[in-house]
Amino acid sequence: MKFDANVASFLLASVCASSGWVVWWINKINLDKHLSTQQAADNAKKEYAAQRDFEHLRNNQKDISTGIALGFDEMERRFDLLDRDIIEIKAQLTIRNATEHK
């Protein structure tokens, strides 16, 4: 049997091309797995950050509501004091007018 260099070259090129294709395909699968894992991790981070930001906003809203309620309670207390002082002044004026008219 005669050695044919063309057939040998073709076979060698086919084996090299096939092995190169297999290596490329395995690397592509591994890269896709890595990218999908990385994307899932990034999505989880974003979801956690969004949840954390929402909790911060909710807690800030609660703090603002509590502050407003305390402010209104303080204003109510001051108005009660003013009402009491006004009633006291009216009572003193009434007593003074009653004693002066006698």
C-alpha atoms as a PDB file:
ATOM      1  CA  MET A   1       0.000   0.000   0.000  1.00  0.00           C
ATOM      2  CA  LYS A   2       1.309   3.295  -1.010  1.00  0.00           C
ATOM      3  CA  PHE A   3       1.539   6.160   1.478  1.00  0.00           C
ATOM      4  CA  ASP A   4      -0.541   9.046   0.238  1.00  0.00           C
ATOM      5  CA  ALA A   5       0.461  12.365   1.830  1.00  0.00           C
ATOM      6  CA  ASN A   6      -2.736  14.101   0.753  1.00  0.00           C
ATOM      7  CA  VAL A   7      -4.966  11.591   2.564  1.00  0.00           C
ATOM      8  CA  ALA A   8      -2.730  11.705   5.650  1.00  0.00           C
ATOM      9  CA  SER A   9      -2.802  15.514   5.637  1.00  0.00           C
ATOM     10  CA  PHE A  10      -6.572  15.505   5.278  1.00  0.00           C
ATOM     11  CA  LEU A  11      -6.985  13.039   8.152  1.00  0.00           C
ATOM     12  CA  LEU A  12      -4.584  14.993  10.378  1.00  0.00           C
ATOM     13  CA  ALA A  13      -6.349  18.270   9.563  1.00  0.00           C
ATOM     14  CA  SER A  14      -9.752  16.683  10.257  1.00  0.00           C
ATOM     15  CA  VAL A  15      -8.579  15.326  13.624  1.00  0.00           C
ATOM     16  CA  CYS A  16      -7.065  18.704  14.575  1.00  0.00           C
ATOM     17  CA  ALA A  17     -10.166  20.601  13.469  1.00  0.00           C
ATOM     18  CA  SER A  18     -12.468  18.200  15.314  1.00  0.00           C
ATOM     19  CA  SER A  19     -10.423  18.365  18.527  1.00  0.00           C
ATOM     20  CA  GLY A  20     -10.293  22.152  18.256  1.00  0.00           C
ATOM     21  CA  TRP A  21     -14.054  22.252  17.816  1.00  0.00           C
ATOM     22  CA  VAL A  22     -14.560  19.961  20.845  1.00  0.00           C
ATOM     23  CA  VAL A  23     -12.264  22.111  23.020  1.00  0.00           C
ATOM     24  CA  TRP A  24     -14.034  25.291  21.841  1.00  0.00           C
ATOM     25  CA  TRP A  25     -17.451  23.766  22.582  1.00  0.00           C
ATOM     26  CA  ILE A  26     -16.421  22.631  26.090  1.00  0.00           C
ATOM     27  CA  ASN A  27     -15.006  26.094  26.842  1.00  0.00           C
ATOM     28  CA  LYS A  28     -18.200  27.702  25.534  1.00  0.00           C
ATOM     29  CA  ILE A  29     -20.345  25.499  27.793  1.00  0.00           C
ATOM     30  CA  ASN A  30     -18.152  26.298  30.812  1.00  0.00           C
ATOM     31  CA  LEU A  31     -18.207  30.009  30.007  1.00  0.00           C
ATOM     32  CA  ASP A  32     -21.990  29.966  29.633  1.00  0.00           C
ATOM     33  CA  LYS A  33     -22.294  28.238  33.008  1.00  0.00           C
ATOM     34  CA  HIS A  34     -19.977  30.798  34.578  1.00  0.00           C
ATOM     35  CA  LEU A  35     -21.846  33.705  33.004  1.00  0.00           C
ATOM     36  CA  SER A  36     -25.232  32.368  34.056  1.00  0.00           C
ATOM     37  CA  THR A  37     -23.944  31.838  37.611  1.00  0.00           C
ATOM     38  CA  GLN A  38     -22.481  35.342  37.630  1.00  0.00           C
ATOM     39  CA  GLN A  39     -25.721  36.790  36.264  1.00  0.00           C
ATOM     40  CA  ALA A  40     -27.743  34.953  38.922  1.00  0.00           C
ATOM     41  CA  ALA A  41     -25.426  36.319  41.611  1.00  0.00           C
ATOM     42  CA  ASP A  42     -25.744  39.846  40.196  1.00  0.00           C
ATOM     43  CA  ASN A  43     -29.534  39.532  40.097  1.00  0.00           C
ATOM     44  CA  ALA A  44     -29.565  38.324  43.698  1.00  0.00           C
ATOM     45  CA  LYS A  45     -27.402  41.291  44.742  1.00  0.00           C
ATOM     46  CA  LYS A  46     -29.696  43.712  42.940  1.00  0.00           C
ATOM     47  CA  GLU A  47     -32.778  42.171  44.522  1.00  0.00           C
ATOM     48  CA  TYR A  48     -31.183  42.340  47.973  1.00  0.00           C
ATOM     49  CA  ALA A  49     -30.153  45.961  47.408  1.00  0.00           C
ATOM     50  CA  ALA A  50     -33.645  46.888  46.236  1.00  0.00           C
ATOM     51  CA  GLN A  51     -35.209  45.191  49.264  1.00  0.00           C
ATOM     52  CA  ARG A  52     -32.737  46.933  51.590  1.00  0.00           C
ATOM     53  CA  ASP A  53     -33.460  50.316  49.993  1.00  0.00           C
ATOM     54  CA  PHE A  54     -37.198  49.717  50.328  1.00  0.00           C
ATOM     55  CA  GLU A  55     -36.773  48.847  54.018  1.00  0.00           C
ATOM     56  CA  HIS A  56     -34.750  52.044  54.536  1.00  0.00           C
ATOM     57  CA  LEU A  57     -37.478  54.100  52.872  1.00  0.00           C
ATOM     58  CA  ARG A  58     -40.182  52.390  54.917  1.00  0.00           C
ATOM     59  CA  ASN A  59     -38.278  52.969  58.160  1.00  0.00           C
ATOM     60  CA  ASN A  60     -37.688  56.614  57.212  1.00  0.00           C
ATOM     61  CA  GLN A  61     -41.413  57.015  56.541  1.00  0.00           C
ATOM     62  CA  LYS A  62     -42.194  55.536  59.960  1.00  0.00           C
ATOM     63  CA  ASP A  63     -39.702  57.923  61.589  1.00  0.00           C
ATOM     64  CA  ILE A  64     -41.237  60.896  59.791  1.00  0.00           C
ATOM     65  CA  SER A  65     -44.744  59.827  60.831  1.00  0.00           C
ATOM     66  CA  THR A  66     -43.623  59.401  64.436  1.00  0.00           C
ATOM     67  CA  GLY A  67     -41.960  62.828  64.379  1.00  0.00           C
ATOM     68  CA  ILE A  68     -45.086  64.476  63.001  1.00  0.00           C
ATOM     69  CA  ALA A  69     -47.252  62.737  65.603  1.00  0.00           C
ATOM     70  CA  LEU A  70     -44.932  63.888  68.398  1.00  0.00           C
ATOM     71  CA  GLY A  71     -45.000  67.418  66.994  1.00  0.00           C
ATOM     72  CA  PHE A  72     -48.798  67.451  67.009  1.00  0.00           C
ATOM     73  CA  ASP A  73     -48.850  66.035  70.544  1.00  0.00           C
ATOM     74  CA  GLU A  74     -46.533  68.845  71.680  1.00  0.00           C
ATOM     75  CA  MET A  75     -48.699  71.464  69.951  1.00  0.00           C
ATOM     76  CA  GLU A  76     -51.793  69.961  71.593  1.00  0.00           C
ATOM     77  CA  ARG A  77     -50.083  70.129  74.997  1.00  0.00           C
ATOM     78  CA  ARG A  78     -49.148  73.782  74.431  1.00  0.00           C
ATOM     79  CA  PHE A  79     -52.666  74.660  73.320  1.00  0.00           C
ATOM     80  CA  ASP A  80     -54.007  72.999  76.460  1.00  0.00           C
ATOM     81  CA  LEU A  81     -51.641  75.146  78.538  1.00  0.00           C
ATOM     82  CA  LEU A  82     -52.740  78.268  76.664  1.00  0.00           C
ATOM     83  CA  ASP A  83     -56.401  77.370  77.184  1.00  0.00           C
ATOM     84  CA  ARG A  84     -55.786  76.893  80.889  1.00  0.00           C
ATOM     85  CA  ASP A  85     -53.922  80.228  81.120  1.00  0.00           C
ATOM     86  CA  ILE A  86     -56.683  82.033  79.210  1.00  0.00           C
ATOM     87  CA  ILE A  87     -59.342  80.555  81.506  1.00  0.00           C
ATOM     88  CA  GLU A  88     -57.285  81.636  84.518  1.00  0.00           C
ATOM     89  CA  ILE A  89     -56.949  85.175  83.131  1.00  0.00           C
ATOM     90  CA  LYS A  90     -60.701  85.307  82.429  1.00  0.00           C
ATOM     91  CA  ALA A  91     -61.425  84.116  85.944  1.00  0.00           C
ATOM     92  CA  GLN A  92     -59.150  86.767  87.468  1.00  0.00           C
ATOM     93  CA  LEU A  93     -60.695  89.491  85.293  1.00  0.00           C
ATOM     94  CA  THR A  94     -64.186  88.325  86.209  1.00  0.00           C
ATOM     95  CA  ILE A  95     -63.329  88.334  89.914  1.00  0.00           C
ATOM     96  CA  ARG A  96     -61.717  91.774  89.649  1.00  0.00           C
ATOM     97  CA  ASN A  97     -64.723  93.199  87.751  1.00  0.00           C
ATOM     98  CA  ALA A  98     -67.134  91.655  90.244  1.00  0.00           C
ATOM     99  CA  THR A  99     -65.283  93.158  93.222  1.00  0.00           C
ATOM    100  CA  GLU A 100     -65.005  96.582  91.577  1.00  0.00           C
ATOM    101  CA  HIS A 101     -68.740  96.755  90.798  1.00  0.00           C
ATOM    102  CA  LYS A 102     -69.812  95.958  94.348  1.00  0.00           C
END
